[in-house]
C-alpha atoms as a PDB file:
ATOM      1  CA  MET A   1       0.000   0.000   0.000  1.00  0.00           C
ATOM      2  CA  LEU A   2       1.337   3.391  -1.002  1.00  0.00           C
ATOM      3  CA  LYS A   3       1.600   6.281   1.396  1.00  0.00           C
ATOM      4  CA  CYS A   4      -0.311   9.145  -0.205  1.00  0.00           C
ATOM      5  CA  THR A   5      -1.824  12.543   0.434  1.00  0.00           C
ATOM      6  CA  GLN A   6      -5.536  13.357   0.548  1.00  0.00           C
ATOM      7  CA  TYR A   7      -4.990  15.380  -2.622  1.00  0.00           C
ATOM      8  CA  PHE A   8      -3.751  12.269  -4.420  1.00  0.00           C
ATOM      9  CA  LEU A   9      -6.776  10.267  -3.259  1.00  0.00           C
ATOM     10  CA  PHE A  10      -9.083  13.045  -4.456  1.00  0.00           C
ATOM     11  CA  THR A  11      -7.487  13.401  -7.901  1.00  0.00           C
ATOM     12  CA  ARG A  12      -7.386   9.631  -8.304  1.00  0.00           C
ATOM     13  CA  GLU A  13     -11.175   9.771  -8.709  1.00  0.00           C
ATOM     14  CA  ARG A  14     -10.801  11.574 -12.044  1.00  0.00           C
ATOM     15  CA  PRO A  15     -11.353   9.305 -15.064  1.00  0.00           C
ATOM     16  CA  ASP A  16      -7.963  10.161 -16.600  1.00  0.00           C
ATOM     17  CA  ARG A  17      -6.178   9.266 -13.351  1.00  0.00           C
ATOM     18  CA  ALA A  18      -8.213   6.245 -12.239  1.00  0.00           C
ATOM     19  CA  ALA A  19      -6.561   4.115 -14.946  1.00  0.00           C
ATOM     20  CA  ILE A  20      -3.077   4.648 -13.479  1.00  0.00           C
ATOM     21  CA  LYS A  21      -1.998   1.393 -11.862  1.00  0.00           C
ATOM     22  CA  GLU A  22      -0.237   1.311  -8.514  1.00  0.00           C
ATOM     23  CA  GLU A  23       2.529  -0.854 -10.011  1.00  0.00           C
ATOM     24  CA  TRP A  24       3.346   1.950 -12.485  1.00  0.00           C
ATOM     25  CA  ILE A  25       3.599   4.451  -9.630  1.00  0.00           C
ATOM     26  CA  VAL A  26       5.893   2.105  -7.712  1.00  0.00           C
ATOM     27  CA  SER A  27       8.053   1.693 -10.821  1.00  0.00           C
ATOM     28  CA  ALA A  28       8.429   5.472 -11.150  1.00  0.00           C
ATOM     29  CA  ILE A  29       9.529   5.691  -7.520  1.00  0.00           C
ATOM     30  CA  THR A  30      11.857   2.700  -7.359  1.00  0.00           C
ATOM     31  CA  ASP A  31      13.370   2.735 -10.854  1.00  0.00           C
ATOM     32  CA  PRO A  32      12.782   6.160 -12.434  1.00  0.00           C
ATOM     33  CA  LEU A  33      13.944   7.146 -15.903  1.00  0.00           C
ATOM     34  CA  SER A  34      14.531  10.580 -14.467  1.00  0.00           C
ATOM     35  CA  ARG A  35      14.271  12.123 -11.017  1.00  0.00           C
ATOM     36  CA  GLU A  36      14.558  15.753  -9.960  1.00  0.00           C
ATOM     37  CA  LYS A  37      13.979  17.847  -6.886  1.00  0.00           C
ATOM     38  CA  GLN A  38      11.617  20.804  -7.187  1.00  0.00           C
ATOM     39  CA  SER A  39      12.300  24.140  -5.506  1.00  0.00           C
ATOM     40  CA  ASP A  40       9.625  23.350  -2.900  1.00  0.00           C
ATOM     41  CA  GLY A  41      11.440  20.124  -1.897  1.00  0.00           C
ATOM     42  CA  ARG A  42       9.072  17.733  -3.623  1.00  0.00           C
ATOM     43  CA  ILE A  43      10.507  15.112  -5.960  1.00  0.00           C
ATOM     44  CA  ARG A  44       9.447  14.410  -9.549  1.00  0.00           C
ATOM     45  CA  CYS A  45       9.928  10.878 -10.877  1.00  0.00           C
ATOM     46  CA  TRP A  46       9.185   9.628 -14.390  1.00  0.00           C
ATOM     47  CA  THR A  47       8.737   6.179 -15.862  1.00  0.00           C
ATOM     48  CA  TRP A  48       7.738   4.851 -19.283  1.00  0.00           C
ATOM     49  CA  VAL A  49       4.559   2.761 -19.207  1.00  0.00           C
ATOM     50  CA  GLU A  50       4.839   0.376 -22.143  1.00  0.00           C
ATOM     51  CA  GLU A  51       1.267  -0.814 -21.735  1.00  0.00           C
ATOM     52  CA  VAL A  52      -0.147   2.610 -22.633  1.00  0.00           C
ATOM     53  CA  GLN A  53       2.871   4.042 -24.514  1.00  0.00           C
ATOM     54  CA  ARG A  54       3.077   7.102 -22.260  1.00  0.00           C
ATOM     55  CA  TYR A  55       5.329   8.670 -19.640  1.00  0.00           C
ATOM     56  CA  LEU A  56       4.046   8.770 -16.081  1.00  0.00           C
ATOM     57  CA  ARG A  57       5.143  11.519 -13.703  1.00  0.00           C
ATOM     58  CA  VAL A  58       4.865  10.916  -9.964  1.00  0.00           C
ATOM     59  CA  ILE A  59       5.293  13.720  -7.442  1.00  0.00           C
ATOM     60  CA  LEU A  60       6.534  12.732  -3.984  1.00  0.00           C
ATOM     61  CA  LEU A  61       6.597  14.821  -0.840  1.00  0.00           C
ATOM     62  CA  GLU A  62       9.911  15.749   0.749  1.00  0.00           C
ATOM     63  CA  ASP A  63       9.996  12.440   2.660  1.00  0.00           C
ATOM     64  CA  GLU A  64      10.506  10.734  -0.743  1.00  0.00           C
ATOM     65  CA  GLN A  65       7.817   8.147   0.118  1.00  0.00           C
ATOM     66  CA  THR A  66       4.440   9.904   0.127  1.00  0.00           C
ATOM     67  CA  VAL A  67       2.742  10.186  -3.272  1.00  0.00           C
ATOM     68  CA  HIS A  68       1.181  13.607  -3.819  1.00  0.00           C
ATOM     69  CA  ASN A  69       0.303  13.336  -7.522  1.00  0.00           C
ATOM     70  CA  ALA A  70       0.571  10.981 -10.494  1.00  0.00           C
ATOM     71  CA  PHE A  71      -0.352  11.739 -14.088  1.00  0.00           C
ATOM     72  CA  PHE A  72       0.608  11.021 -17.665  1.00  0.00           C
ATOM     73  CA  ASP A  73       3.103  13.670 -18.758  1.00  0.00           C
ATOM     74  CA  ARG A  74       2.710  14.705 -22.392  1.00  0.00           C
ATOM     75  CA  GLY A  75       5.688  17.079 -22.216  1.00  0.00           C
ATOM     76  CA  PHE A  76       8.381  14.724 -20.893  1.00  0.00           C
ATOM     77  CA  GLY A  77      11.200  13.997 -23.299  1.00  0.00           C
ATOM     78  CA  LYS A  78      10.349  16.757 -25.728  1.00  0.00           C
END
């Protein structure tokens, strides 16, 4: 079970986010293609999801464990 914020649980109800599998989120966290720290201390992690042919961006809180957001990132790699 992932640690996550209330915001993440709320946005997960959206149709475009409900299809994001937990295993994809875990992959972005544990084996990211890219990882960077934002100015607010949060961490961005990306992974390629072969199943849907899209990049997934996961935003973690400063503790590097709590998922705050996860969405398909159309701009990554461009």
